[in-house]
Amino acid sequence: MTQQHFLGVDLSTQSLTALIICPVTGEILRYSLNFDSDLPHYETQGGVPPRKNVNEVLVNPLMWIEAMDRMLLWCRDQGVARNIAAVSIAAQQHGSVYLNRKALEQIQTLDPNAPPHDQLVNIFSRKGCPIWMDSSTNQECREITQMFGHKELLDLTGSAATERFAGPQIRKFWKHNPKSYENTSHIALISSFFTSLLMGNWAPLDCGDGLGMNLVDLKSRDWSTAAMNAAAPDLASRLPQLIDRDKILGTVSEYICHRYGFHQDCRVVTGTGDNPSSLAGLGLVGDEDIRAVSLGTSDTYFGYTSQIPVADRSSGHLFGTADGGLMFLLCFQNGSLARDAVRSRFDIDWNEFSNILLNTPPGNNGKLMLPYFTPEITPLVLEPGVHRFGGLEENDLVGNVRAVAEAQIMSMYVHSQWSGRRPSRILVTAGGSQNKGLLQLIAQVFGVEVQAFEVQDSAALGAAIRAAVVWEKGYALTEKLAAFSRKFSSAAPSVSITADEEDINIYQGDAGLIKVYEACEKSITGDVLEFERQHWLFMHHHAGIQ
């Protein structure tokens, strides 16, 4: 093969994105497929099917397989497939895939003259895959927590019992569908399942994704027997091998070679979740001074950490990284979902949304919102509902736009306090990173420099970078990951924003809006007096901000 290329694939909630990078030339080729518009026969909205139960979100895995087929055919048709030296997958975290006893044989005997989604219809013991948006396992989380204790489970697995995690999801499946569970021979996460399809064999699972299951021992980086027993019987035999850092797993299957034109020596590198992959794409593996915010379907706040944080926390998670280290992460389900709900309600475009944020006073004159348009992950809110405070009216266009955005960024600030020292800088990625109003607001709330880079597809870029580094070195070298990220990111930030001290004080001051926001969260559980006190203090100290 000449002039090696490296393929990184991000299979997210709403779309599949692939980047092919060439380290020699710096070239990047991009492919993107939107599930709603490009695969309309699956009848999804935002990448998920309509549902009767707002808390249960199951997706047909055949849709993802068909999307992968189209992307790989594009690689062939572009004439680049044969030059791809290595490939790696990034996928939405926490989604679990349930395979029956016939699955592996069917994967290994695929006919290259036919698309995979037509041949793999009958390999699933569970037809729908629960994804990260699913919050239907609250009862199972209670049961698992009762077996361990909240803090004990958090210390053991890096997370409290979490509705979207595979452990509680598997427990629910076993309880309600015991025969189907019995017929399940293999349970994968989305990243390891698609890595398996590339290899034609069951792929190991990395700790980046594996630690997001409530099943892995955080300290030993191996499956926890106690956690597996708490989820379902005989679970160990159904789970993939676990590995704690990226490596070469093997080569692509004959099916991949014959159908898509890949070279038989093309290496398959460990797959992982989209957030650990984004950490690599942004060049933050090994960097504890800079944090990242991803403004996508959900919002996330994450960063690298060399040690397990010791601060008490009720939310947030610890996952593995490509180099065998750790990252912390907080996920907010009402990300672009909530912003888009407000934008659509007032029939404005994203430029107008941004301009409102840029041209209205910080603090919104004391008007606040808790924007739980769907069930929320951080903080845990199972019953959706939009709560308005401080005189915010439902028909107030400007007030609602600023309120939804301020609430989201203040929630990040409040719930990330356990993660360690405040960052020196925040990098912003995903679709919302091009919204200057949101970038300014992040700078005002956190009080640090905020940068957005030209390359928005950080998860796909991270997958391609991980493939390239592991192909060259045999494992993920921390310094090499950062060097490749710098090479394929824009040489200079597309946007760099700082905030005035006066604006920062409106949020962080002794009588700042952040304290009012914290009281808003408490008020929906009954502590109304604290909100009234903090809101009075804010209005008294900042009467002139309008």
Protein backbone atom coordinates (compact mmCIF):
# COMPACT_ATOMS: atom_id res chain seq x y z
CA MET A 1 0.00 0.00 0.00
CA THR A 2 1.25 3.49 -0.81
CA GLN A 3 0.64 6.65 1.18
CA GLN A 4 -1.34 5.04 3.96
CA HIS A 5 -4.71 6.44 4.92
CA PHE A 6 -6.55 5.87 8.19
CA LEU A 7 -10.30 5.60 8.64
CA GLY A 8 -12.15 6.82 11.72
CA VAL A 9 -15.89 6.24 12.02
CA ASP A 10 -18.25 7.96 14.47
CA LEU A 11 -21.63 6.26 14.78
CA SER A 12 -23.59 8.83 16.77
CA THR A 13 -27.24 9.21 17.72
CA GLN A 14 -28.41 11.07 14.62
CA SER A 15 -25.77 10.28 12.02
CA LEU A 16 -22.72 8.36 10.89
CA THR A 17 -19.59 10.39 10.13
CA ALA A 18 -16.35 9.04 8.69
CA LEU A 19 -13.01 10.79 8.27
CA ILE A 20 -10.13 9.41 6.24
CA ILE A 21 -6.82 11.06 7.09
CA CYS A 22 -3.44 10.89 5.35
CA PRO A 23 -0.57 11.83 7.71
CA VAL A 24 1.82 12.41 4.80
CA THR A 25 -0.28 15.03 3.00
CA GLY A 26 -2.53 16.21 5.83
CA GLU A 27 -5.51 15.43 3.62
CA ILE A 28 -8.91 14.73 5.21
CA LEU A 29 -11.83 13.12 3.36
CA ARG A 30 -15.24 13.31 5.01
CA TYR A 31 -18.44 11.30 4.66
CA SER A 32 -21.65 11.89 6.58
CA LEU A 33 -25.04 10.18 6.58
CA ASN A 34 -28.09 11.43 8.48
CA PHE A 35 -30.35 8.63 9.67
CA ASP A 36 -33.60 10.61 9.42
CA SER A 37 -33.13 11.95 5.89
CA ASP A 38 -30.84 9.35 4.28
CA LEU A 39 -32.50 6.24 5.73
CA PRO A 40 -36.14 7.38 5.95
CA HIS A 41 -37.52 3.83 5.85
CA TYR A 42 -36.50 3.40 9.49
CA GLU A 43 -38.86 6.29 10.37
CA THR A 44 -36.61 7.89 12.98
CA GLN A 45 -36.79 11.36 14.46
CA GLY A 46 -33.42 12.59 15.65
CA GLY A 47 -32.04 9.11 15.04
CA VAL A 48 -34.56 7.30 17.25
CA PRO A 49 -38.00 5.87 16.43
CA PRO A 50 -41.22 7.38 17.79
CA ARG A 51 -42.02 5.85 21.17
CA LYS A 52 -44.98 5.49 23.51
CA ASN A 53 -42.85 5.46 26.66
CA VAL A 54 -40.72 8.63 26.79
CA ASN A 55 -38.22 6.88 29.06
CA GLU A 56 -37.61 3.88 26.78
CA VAL A 57 -35.44 4.45 23.70
CA LEU A 58 -34.73 1.39 21.53
CA VAL A 59 -33.10 1.61 18.10
CA ASN A 60 -33.09 -0.96 15.30
CA PRO A 61 -29.41 -1.97 14.87
CA LEU A 62 -30.03 -2.79 11.20
CA MET A 63 -30.19 0.95 10.56
CA TRP A 64 -26.65 1.37 11.84
CA ILE A 65 -25.47 -1.62 9.79
CA GLU A 66 -27.01 -0.18 6.62
CA ALA A 67 -25.36 3.18 7.33
CA MET A 68 -22.00 1.45 7.75
CA ASP A 69 -22.51 -0.40 4.45
CA ARG A 70 -23.16 2.86 2.60
CA MET A 71 -20.09 4.48 4.12
CA LEU A 72 -17.79 1.58 3.22
CA LEU A 73 -19.18 1.53 -0.33
CA TRP A 74 -18.33 5.23 -0.52
CA CYS A 75 -14.74 4.40 0.50
CA ARG A 76 -14.61 1.88 -2.36
CA ASP A 77 -16.16 4.27 -4.88
CA GLN A 78 -13.73 7.05 -3.90
CA GLY A 79 -10.87 4.70 -4.78
CA VAL A 80 -9.35 5.06 -1.32
CA ALA A 81 -10.44 1.80 0.38
CA ARG A 82 -7.37 -0.17 -0.70
CA ASN A 83 -5.04 2.49 0.74
CA ILE A 84 -6.62 2.39 4.21
CA ALA A 85 -3.98 0.90 6.49
CA ALA A 86 -6.05 0.85 9.68
CA VAL A 87 -9.57 1.61 10.87
CA SER A 88 -11.14 2.33 14.24
CA ILE A 89 -14.71 2.84 15.43
CA ALA A 90 -16.15 5.44 17.77
CA ALA A 91 -19.81 5.05 18.72
CA GLN A 92 -22.40 6.61 20.98
CA GLN A 93 -21.61 5.36 24.46
CA HIS A 94 -23.68 2.94 26.55
CA GLY A 95 -25.86 1.46 23.78
CA SER A 96 -25.93 -2.34 24.12
CA VAL A 97 -26.41 -4.97 21.38
CA TYR A 98 -27.75 -8.46 22.13
CA LEU A 99 -26.70 -11.34 19.84
CA ASN A 100 -28.09 -14.87 19.65
CA ARG A 101 -26.24 -18.16 19.25
CA LYS A 102 -26.32 -18.03 15.45
CA ALA A 103 -24.91 -14.52 15.20
CA LEU A 104 -21.19 -15.22 14.92
CA GLU A 105 -21.62 -17.91 12.27
CA GLN A 106 -23.77 -15.59 10.16
CA ILE A 107 -21.28 -12.75 10.51
CA GLN A 108 -18.47 -15.06 9.39
CA THR A 109 -20.36 -16.39 6.34
CA LEU A 110 -21.64 -13.15 4.81
CA ASP A 111 -22.02 -13.09 1.03
CA PRO A 112 -20.04 -10.10 -0.36
CA ASN A 113 -22.54 -9.77 -3.21
CA ALA A 114 -25.30 -8.79 -0.79
CA PRO A 115 -25.55 -5.97 1.76
CA PRO A 116 -24.98 -6.96 5.39
CA HIS A 117 -28.27 -5.57 6.73
CA ASP A 118 -30.20 -7.98 4.52
CA GLN A 119 -28.19 -10.94 5.84
CA LEU A 120 -28.06 -10.11 9.55
CA VAL A 121 -31.76 -9.67 10.26
CA ASN A 122 -31.97 -12.75 12.48
CA ILE A 123 -28.81 -12.45 14.59
CA PHE A 124 -30.34 -10.41 17.44
CA SER A 125 -31.87 -11.87 20.58
CA ARG A 126 -33.23 -8.41 21.37
CA LYS A 127 -34.58 -6.57 18.34
CA GLY A 128 -34.15 -3.06 19.70
CA CYS A 129 -30.93 -1.76 21.25
CA PRO A 130 -31.33 0.53 24.28
CA ILE A 131 -29.19 3.64 23.78
CA TRP A 132 -27.88 6.39 26.03
CA MET A 133 -31.22 8.24 25.97
CA ASP A 134 -33.01 5.33 27.65
CA SER A 135 -33.93 6.00 31.29
CA SER A 136 -36.40 3.15 31.79
CA THR A 137 -34.25 1.21 34.29
CA ASN A 138 -34.71 3.31 37.41
CA GLN A 139 -36.08 0.30 39.31
CA GLU A 140 -33.07 -1.80 38.32
CA CYS A 141 -30.73 0.98 39.39
CA ARG A 142 -32.45 1.06 42.78
CA GLU A 143 -32.06 -2.70 43.11
CA ILE A 144 -28.36 -2.65 42.20
CA THR A 145 -27.72 0.30 44.54
CA GLN A 146 -29.45 -1.56 47.36
CA MET A 147 -27.12 -4.52 46.83
CA PHE A 148 -23.97 -2.37 47.04
CA GLY A 149 -24.72 1.03 48.49
CA HIS A 150 -24.50 4.25 46.44
CA LYS A 151 -20.95 5.26 47.35
CA GLU A 152 -19.65 1.70 47.27
CA LEU A 153 -20.89 1.15 43.70
CA LEU A 154 -19.55 4.54 42.62
CA ASP A 155 -16.14 3.71 44.09
CA LEU A 156 -16.15 0.24 42.53
CA THR A 157 -17.25 1.07 38.98
CA GLY A 158 -16.56 4.81 38.61
CA SER A 159 -20.28 5.66 38.44
CA ALA A 160 -23.39 5.36 40.52
CA ALA A 161 -26.05 3.02 39.15
CA THR A 162 -27.05 4.79 35.94
CA GLU A 163 -30.19 4.17 33.91
CA ARG A 164 -28.55 4.21 30.48
CA PHE A 165 -25.64 1.95 31.45
CA ALA A 166 -25.57 -1.64 30.21
CA GLY A 167 -25.55 -3.22 33.68
CA PRO A 168 -29.04 -1.99 34.64
CA GLN A 169 -30.22 -2.47 31.04
CA ILE A 170 -29.10 -6.11 31.05
CA ARG A 171 -30.79 -6.65 34.41
CA LYS A 172 -34.08 -5.30 33.04
CA PHE A 173 -33.78 -7.51 29.94
CA TRP A 174 -33.11 -10.59 32.08
CA LYS A 175 -36.02 -9.82 34.44
CA HIS A 176 -38.63 -9.09 31.76
CA ASN A 177 -37.42 -11.38 28.95
CA PRO A 178 -35.71 -14.35 30.61
CA LYS A 179 -36.10 -16.63 27.58
CA SER A 180 -34.56 -14.04 25.26
CA TYR A 181 -31.73 -13.51 27.74
CA GLU A 182 -31.15 -17.26 27.81
CA ASN A 183 -30.90 -17.21 24.00
CA THR A 184 -28.29 -14.43 24.16
CA SER A 185 -24.76 -15.67 23.60
CA HIS A 186 -22.97 -12.32 23.33
CA ILE A 187 -23.66 -8.80 24.60
CA ALA A 188 -21.63 -6.04 22.96
CA LEU A 189 -21.61 -2.28 23.16
CA ILE A 190 -22.14 -0.49 19.86
CA SER A 191 -18.42 0.22 19.43
CA SER A 192 -17.34 -3.38 19.98
CA PHE A 193 -20.20 -4.74 17.85
CA PHE A 194 -19.17 -2.74 14.79
CA THR A 195 -15.53 -3.54 15.40
CA SER A 196 -16.64 -7.20 15.37
CA LEU A 197 -18.33 -6.69 12.00
CA LEU A 198 -15.07 -5.30 10.60
CA MET A 199 -13.07 -8.27 11.91
CA GLY A 200 -15.58 -11.06 11.36
CA ASN A 201 -15.11 -12.16 14.96
CA TRP A 202 -16.09 -10.97 18.41
CA ALA A 203 -13.97 -7.95 19.26
CA PRO A 204 -12.72 -7.03 22.73
CA LEU A 205 -14.25 -4.06 24.51
CA ASP A 206 -12.08 -1.15 25.66
CA CYS A 207 -12.30 0.46 29.10
CA GLY A 208 -13.32 3.77 27.52
CA ASP A 209 -16.68 2.21 26.77
CA GLY A 210 -16.53 -0.63 29.29
CA LEU A 211 -16.35 1.62 32.35
CA GLY A 212 -19.67 3.09 31.26
CA MET A 213 -21.55 -0.10 32.13
CA ASN A 214 -21.57 -0.36 35.98
CA LEU A 215 -19.86 -3.72 35.46
CA VAL A 216 -16.11 -3.00 35.46
CA ASP A 217 -13.83 -2.62 38.46
CA LEU A 218 -12.36 0.88 38.12
CA LYS A 219 -9.09 0.01 39.85
CA SER A 220 -8.31 -3.39 38.28
CA ARG A 221 -9.78 -2.52 34.85
CA ASP A 222 -11.41 -5.95 34.70
CA TRP A 223 -14.95 -7.26 34.93
CA SER A 224 -16.26 -7.14 38.50
CA THR A 225 -17.73 -10.48 39.51
CA ALA A 226 -19.94 -8.81 42.12
CA ALA A 227 -21.27 -6.24 39.64
CA MET A 228 -21.96 -8.88 37.00
CA ASN A 229 -23.79 -11.06 39.53
CA ALA A 230 -25.89 -8.06 40.54
CA ALA A 231 -26.96 -7.52 36.93
CA ALA A 232 -27.90 -11.01 35.70
CA PRO A 233 -26.93 -14.67 36.07
CA ASP A 234 -24.11 -16.16 34.00
CA LEU A 235 -23.30 -12.75 32.56
CA ALA A 236 -19.53 -13.25 32.38
CA SER A 237 -19.86 -15.82 29.60
CA ARG A 238 -21.83 -13.35 27.50
CA LEU A 239 -19.46 -10.38 27.72
CA PRO A 240 -16.47 -9.63 25.48
CA GLN A 241 -12.85 -9.61 26.57
CA LEU A 242 -11.91 -6.33 28.23
CA ILE A 243 -8.74 -4.38 27.36
CA ASP A 244 -7.50 -1.18 29.00
CA ARG A 245 -5.73 0.61 26.11
CA ASP A 246 -5.82 0.76 22.32
CA LYS A 247 -4.04 -1.90 20.31
CA ILE A 248 -4.23 -3.74 16.98
CA LEU A 249 -6.93 -6.41 17.25
CA GLY A 250 -6.39 -8.06 13.86
CA THR A 251 -7.19 -7.42 10.20
CA VAL A 252 -10.44 -6.80 8.34
CA SER A 253 -12.50 -9.82 7.29
CA GLU A 254 -12.65 -11.34 3.83
CA TYR A 255 -16.14 -9.89 3.50
CA ILE A 256 -14.79 -6.36 4.03
CA CYS A 257 -12.04 -7.00 1.47
CA HIS A 258 -14.29 -8.47 -1.21
CA ARG A 259 -17.32 -6.21 -0.85
CA TYR A 260 -15.59 -2.88 -0.25
CA GLY A 261 -12.11 -3.33 -1.75
CA PHE A 262 -10.05 -3.06 1.45
CA HIS A 263 -6.56 -4.59 1.48
CA GLN A 264 -6.27 -7.84 3.40
CA ASP A 265 -3.56 -6.30 5.62
CA CYS A 266 -5.79 -3.43 6.79
CA ARG A 267 -5.56 -3.41 10.58
CA VAL A 268 -8.52 -3.08 12.94
CA VAL A 269 -7.76 -0.98 16.02
CA THR A 270 -9.74 -1.04 19.26
CA GLY A 271 -13.09 0.70 19.09
CA THR A 272 -14.33 3.02 21.83
CA GLY A 273 -17.08 5.42 22.84
CA ASP A 274 -17.54 8.77 21.16
CA ASN A 275 -16.43 10.74 24.22
CA PRO A 276 -13.10 8.94 24.80
CA SER A 277 -12.52 9.21 21.06
CA SER A 278 -13.27 12.95 21.14
CA LEU A 279 -10.69 13.34 23.90
CA ALA A 280 -8.09 11.96 21.46
CA GLY A 281 -9.42 14.03 18.55
CA LEU A 282 -9.09 17.22 20.57
CA GLY A 283 -5.55 16.37 21.64
CA LEU A 284 -6.45 16.21 25.34
CA VAL A 285 -5.17 12.73 26.20
CA GLY A 286 -2.59 13.45 28.90
CA ASP A 287 -3.59 17.15 29.32
CA GLU A 288 -5.19 17.99 32.67
CA ASP A 289 -5.26 21.79 32.21
CA ILE A 290 -7.71 22.00 29.30
CA ARG A 291 -11.30 20.71 29.35
CA ALA A 292 -13.77 20.06 26.57
CA VAL A 293 -17.43 20.79 26.01
CA SER A 294 -19.31 18.92 23.30
CA LEU A 295 -22.52 20.66 22.20
CA GLY A 296 -24.30 17.89 20.33
CA THR A 297 -27.55 15.98 20.68
CA SER A 298 -26.59 15.83 24.32
CA ASP A 299 -24.07 18.17 25.93
CA THR A 300 -21.01 16.76 27.66
CA TYR A 301 -18.24 18.24 29.79
CA PHE A 302 -15.11 16.12 30.01
CA GLY A 303 -11.36 16.00 30.46
CA TYR A 304 -8.33 13.83 31.22
CA THR A 305 -7.35 12.97 34.77
CA SER A 306 -4.29 11.09 36.00
CA GLN A 307 -5.89 10.15 39.30
CA ILE A 308 -9.27 9.06 40.55
CA PRO A 309 -10.90 12.23 41.96
CA VAL A 310 -11.51 12.00 45.71
CA ALA A 311 -14.20 14.69 46.03
CA ASP A 312 -17.71 13.60 46.94
CA ARG A 313 -20.08 13.55 43.99
CA SER A 314 -23.58 12.43 43.14
CA SER A 315 -23.21 12.64 39.36
CA GLY A 316 -20.60 12.25 36.65
CA HIS A 317 -18.55 9.30 35.48
CA LEU A 318 -15.02 7.98 35.01
CA PHE A 319 -14.07 6.19 31.78
CA GLY A 320 -10.86 4.81 30.32
CA THR A 321 -8.76 6.51 27.64
CA ALA A 322 -6.77 5.35 24.62
CA ASP A 323 -3.46 5.41 26.54
CA GLY A 324 -4.79 3.45 29.51
CA GLY A 325 -5.53 6.55 31.60
CA LEU A 326 -8.81 8.03 32.84
CA MET A 327 -11.23 10.74 31.84
CA PHE A 328 -14.15 12.24 33.73
CA LEU A 329 -17.41 13.08 32.01
CA LEU A 330 -20.77 14.63 32.74
CA CYS A 331 -23.64 14.13 30.31
CA PHE A 332 -26.66 16.43 29.94
CA GLN A 333 -29.40 14.85 27.84
CA ASN A 334 -31.24 18.12 27.19
CA GLY A 335 -28.50 19.56 24.99
CA SER A 336 -29.40 20.62 21.48
CA LEU A 337 -32.75 18.89 22.06
CA ALA A 338 -33.74 21.64 24.50
CA ARG A 339 -32.14 24.50 22.55
CA ASP A 340 -33.89 23.35 19.39
CA ALA A 341 -37.21 23.10 21.21
CA VAL A 342 -36.93 26.78 22.18
CA ARG A 343 -35.68 27.79 18.73
CA SER A 344 -38.56 25.97 17.03
CA ARG A 345 -41.13 27.35 19.48
CA PHE A 346 -40.30 30.90 18.36
CA ASP A 347 -39.55 30.01 14.71
CA ILE A 348 -36.06 31.53 14.66
CA ASP A 349 -32.88 30.23 13.03
CA TRP A 350 -29.60 29.51 14.77
CA ASN A 351 -28.09 32.86 13.74
CA GLU A 352 -30.93 34.65 15.49
CA PHE A 353 -30.51 32.37 18.50
CA SER A 354 -26.81 33.26 18.67
CA ASN A 355 -27.41 36.98 18.20
CA ILE A 356 -29.86 37.01 21.10
CA LEU A 357 -27.18 35.53 23.36
CA LEU A 358 -24.59 38.00 22.09
CA ASN A 359 -26.80 41.05 22.58
CA THR A 360 -28.63 40.43 25.86
CA PRO A 361 -27.30 41.07 29.38
CA PRO A 362 -25.64 38.27 31.34
CA GLY A 363 -27.95 37.06 34.07
CA ASN A 364 -31.12 37.50 31.98
CA ASN A 365 -32.45 40.00 34.54
CA GLY A 366 -32.93 37.13 36.98
CA LYS A 367 -35.15 35.05 34.69
CA LEU A 368 -34.27 31.35 34.77
CA MET A 369 -35.36 28.01 33.38
CA LEU A 370 -34.87 24.34 34.12
CA PRO A 371 -35.14 23.00 30.55
CA TYR A 372 -36.11 19.36 31.06
CA PHE A 373 -37.87 18.90 27.74
CA THR A 374 -36.96 15.20 27.98
CA PRO A 375 -35.84 13.19 31.02
CA GLU A 376 -32.52 14.52 32.26
CA ILE A 377 -29.35 12.66 33.19
CA THR A 378 -27.57 15.43 35.12
CA PRO A 379 -29.20 16.04 37.50
CA LEU A 380 -31.35 12.91 37.36
CA VAL A 381 -34.89 13.94 36.37
CA LEU A 382 -37.12 11.13 35.15
CA GLU A 383 -40.29 13.15 34.64
CA PRO A 384 -39.78 15.77 31.88
CA GLY A 385 -41.02 19.29 32.41
CA VAL A 386 -39.96 22.90 31.77
CA HIS A 387 -39.79 25.02 34.92
CA ARG A 388 -39.57 28.83 34.70
CA PHE A 389 -38.49 31.18 37.49
CA GLY A 390 -37.98 34.86 38.23
CA GLY A 391 -40.90 36.09 36.14
CA LEU A 392 -39.90 34.30 32.92
CA GLU A 393 -43.00 34.06 30.73
CA GLU A 394 -43.55 31.25 28.22
CA ASN A 395 -44.00 33.74 25.33
CA ASP A 396 -40.84 35.76 26.13
CA LEU A 397 -38.64 35.04 23.07
CA VAL A 398 -35.45 36.73 24.27
CA GLY A 399 -35.88 35.60 27.86
CA ASN A 400 -36.42 31.94 26.97
CA VAL A 401 -33.48 31.79 24.55
CA ARG A 402 -31.09 33.16 27.13
CA ALA A 403 -32.65 31.15 29.97
CA VAL A 404 -32.29 27.78 28.25
CA ALA A 405 -28.65 28.42 27.35
CA GLU A 406 -27.70 29.89 30.74
CA ALA A 407 -29.28 26.94 32.56
CA GLN A 408 -27.34 24.42 30.50
CA ILE A 409 -23.93 26.06 31.00
CA MET A 410 -24.51 26.78 34.69
CA SER A 411 -25.50 23.13 35.16
CA MET A 412 -22.15 22.11 33.67
CA TYR A 413 -20.35 24.43 36.07
CA VAL A 414 -22.25 23.28 39.15
CA HIS A 415 -22.09 19.55 38.53
CA SER A 416 -18.43 19.46 37.45
CA GLN A 417 -17.01 20.85 40.69
CA TRP A 418 -15.92 17.37 41.84
CA SER A 419 -13.67 16.88 38.78
CA GLY A 420 -10.72 18.86 40.10
CA ARG A 421 -9.25 22.30 39.55
CA ARG A 422 -10.94 24.63 37.11
CA PRO A 423 -9.46 24.56 33.60
CA SER A 424 -7.22 27.17 32.07
CA ARG A 425 -9.09 26.82 28.78
CA ILE A 426 -12.15 25.05 27.35
CA LEU A 427 -12.31 23.59 23.85
CA VAL A 428 -15.76 23.35 22.29
CA THR A 429 -16.71 20.77 19.69
CA ALA A 430 -19.76 19.31 17.84
CA GLY A 431 -22.51 21.25 16.09
CA GLY A 432 -23.06 23.93 18.73
CA SER A 433 -19.39 24.91 18.61
CA GLN A 434 -20.13 27.27 15.72
CA ASN A 435 -22.65 29.25 17.81
CA LYS A 436 -20.70 32.30 19.03
CA GLY A 437 -23.43 33.17 21.51
CA LEU A 438 -23.00 29.83 23.27
CA LEU A 439 -19.21 30.20 23.23
CA GLN A 440 -19.45 33.63 24.85
CA LEU A 441 -21.80 32.27 27.50
CA ILE A 442 -19.41 29.42 28.37
CA ALA A 443 -16.62 31.99 28.80
CA GLN A 444 -18.83 34.13 31.05
CA VAL A 445 -20.00 31.27 33.28
CA PHE A 446 -16.65 29.45 33.62
CA GLY A 447 -14.48 32.57 33.53
CA VAL A 448 -11.85 31.08 31.20
CA GLU A 449 -10.80 31.33 27.57
CA VAL A 450 -13.05 29.35 25.23
CA GLN A 451 -11.96 28.06 21.82
CA ALA A 452 -13.79 26.32 19.00
CA PHE A 453 -11.80 24.58 16.28
CA GLU A 454 -12.48 24.13 12.58
CA VAL A 455 -12.67 20.34 12.89
CA GLN A 456 -16.06 19.66 14.47
CA ASP A 457 -15.98 15.89 14.03
CA SER A 458 -13.74 15.27 17.02
CA ALA A 459 -14.98 11.71 17.67
CA ALA A 460 -14.38 10.59 14.07
CA LEU A 461 -11.04 12.44 13.98
CA GLY A 462 -10.08 10.79 17.26
CA ALA A 463 -10.90 7.37 15.80
CA ALA A 464 -8.75 8.05 12.73
CA ILE A 465 -5.88 9.38 14.88
CA ARG A 466 -6.05 6.38 17.20
CA ALA A 467 -5.94 4.07 14.15
CA ALA A 468 -2.90 5.90 12.76
CA VAL A 469 -0.95 6.01 16.04
CA VAL A 470 -1.59 2.37 16.95
CA TRP A 471 -0.75 1.24 13.40
CA GLU A 472 2.60 3.04 13.67
CA LYS A 473 3.52 2.31 17.29
CA GLY A 474 1.56 -0.84 18.15
CA TYR A 475 -0.21 0.94 21.02
CA ALA A 476 -1.60 4.40 21.85
CA LEU A 477 1.34 6.63 22.80
CA THR A 478 0.12 9.73 24.68
CA GLU A 479 2.51 12.21 23.05
CA LYS A 480 1.85 10.82 19.55
CA LEU A 481 -1.93 11.18 19.97
CA ALA A 482 -1.47 14.87 20.81
CA ALA A 483 0.89 15.44 17.88
CA PHE A 484 -1.52 13.90 15.38
CA SER A 485 -4.38 15.98 16.79
CA ARG A 486 -2.40 19.17 16.27
CA LYS A 487 -1.60 18.15 12.71
CA PHE A 488 -5.21 17.58 11.71
CA SER A 489 -6.85 20.35 13.70
CA SER A 490 -6.79 23.88 12.40
CA ALA A 491 -3.45 25.58 13.05
CA ALA A 492 -5.31 28.41 14.77
CA PRO A 493 -8.66 28.37 16.56
CA SER A 494 -11.57 29.52 14.44
CA VAL A 495 -12.98 31.36 17.46
CA SER A 496 -11.33 32.39 20.72
CA ILE A 497 -13.39 34.20 23.35
CA THR A 498 -12.77 35.58 26.82
CA ALA A 499 -15.22 37.32 29.14
CA ASP A 500 -15.12 40.56 31.14
CA GLU A 501 -14.62 40.21 34.90
CA GLU A 502 -17.88 42.06 35.46
CA ASP A 503 -19.79 39.50 33.41
CA ILE A 504 -18.05 36.58 35.17
CA ASN A 505 -18.99 38.07 38.55
CA ILE A 506 -22.67 38.09 37.56
CA TYR A 507 -22.51 34.30 37.52
CA GLN A 508 -19.76 33.43 40.02
CA GLY A 509 -20.05 36.23 42.58
CA ASP A 510 -21.23 35.83 46.16
CA ALA A 511 -24.74 36.77 45.04
CA GLY A 512 -24.29 35.36 41.54
CA LEU A 513 -26.74 33.62 39.27
CA ILE A 514 -25.04 30.23 39.71
CA LYS A 515 -26.23 30.12 43.32
CA VAL A 516 -29.73 31.03 42.16
CA TYR A 517 -29.58 28.25 39.59
CA GLU A 518 -28.53 25.72 42.25
CA ALA A 519 -31.52 26.83 44.32
CA CYS A 520 -33.76 26.35 41.27
CA GLU A 521 -32.67 22.71 41.06
CA LYS A 522 -33.38 22.25 44.76
CA SER A 523 -36.77 23.94 44.44
CA ILE A 524 -38.22 21.22 42.23
CA THR A 525 -37.64 18.80 45.09
CA GLY A 526 -39.42 21.11 47.52
CA ASP A 527 -36.88 23.70 48.76
CA VAL A 528 -38.65 26.81 47.43
CA LEU A 529 -37.47 29.16 50.18
CA GLU A 530 -33.80 28.78 49.19
CA PHE A 531 -34.63 29.85 45.63
CA GLU A 532 -36.54 32.90 46.85
CA ARG A 533 -33.61 33.93 49.10
CA GLN A 534 -30.93 33.49 46.43
CA HIS A 535 -33.05 35.18 43.77
CA TRP A 536 -33.63 38.21 46.03
CA LEU A 537 -29.88 38.47 46.71
CA PHE A 538 -29.09 38.29 42.99
CA MET A 539 -31.64 40.94 42.03
CA HIS A 540 -30.53 43.18 44.92
CA HIS A 541 -26.83 43.00 43.93
CA HIS A 542 -27.31 43.16 40.16
CA ALA A 543 -30.20 45.57 39.81
CA GLY A 544 -28.40 47.54 37.11
CA ILE A 545 -27.43 44.75 34.73
CA GLN A 546 -30.26 45.42 32.28
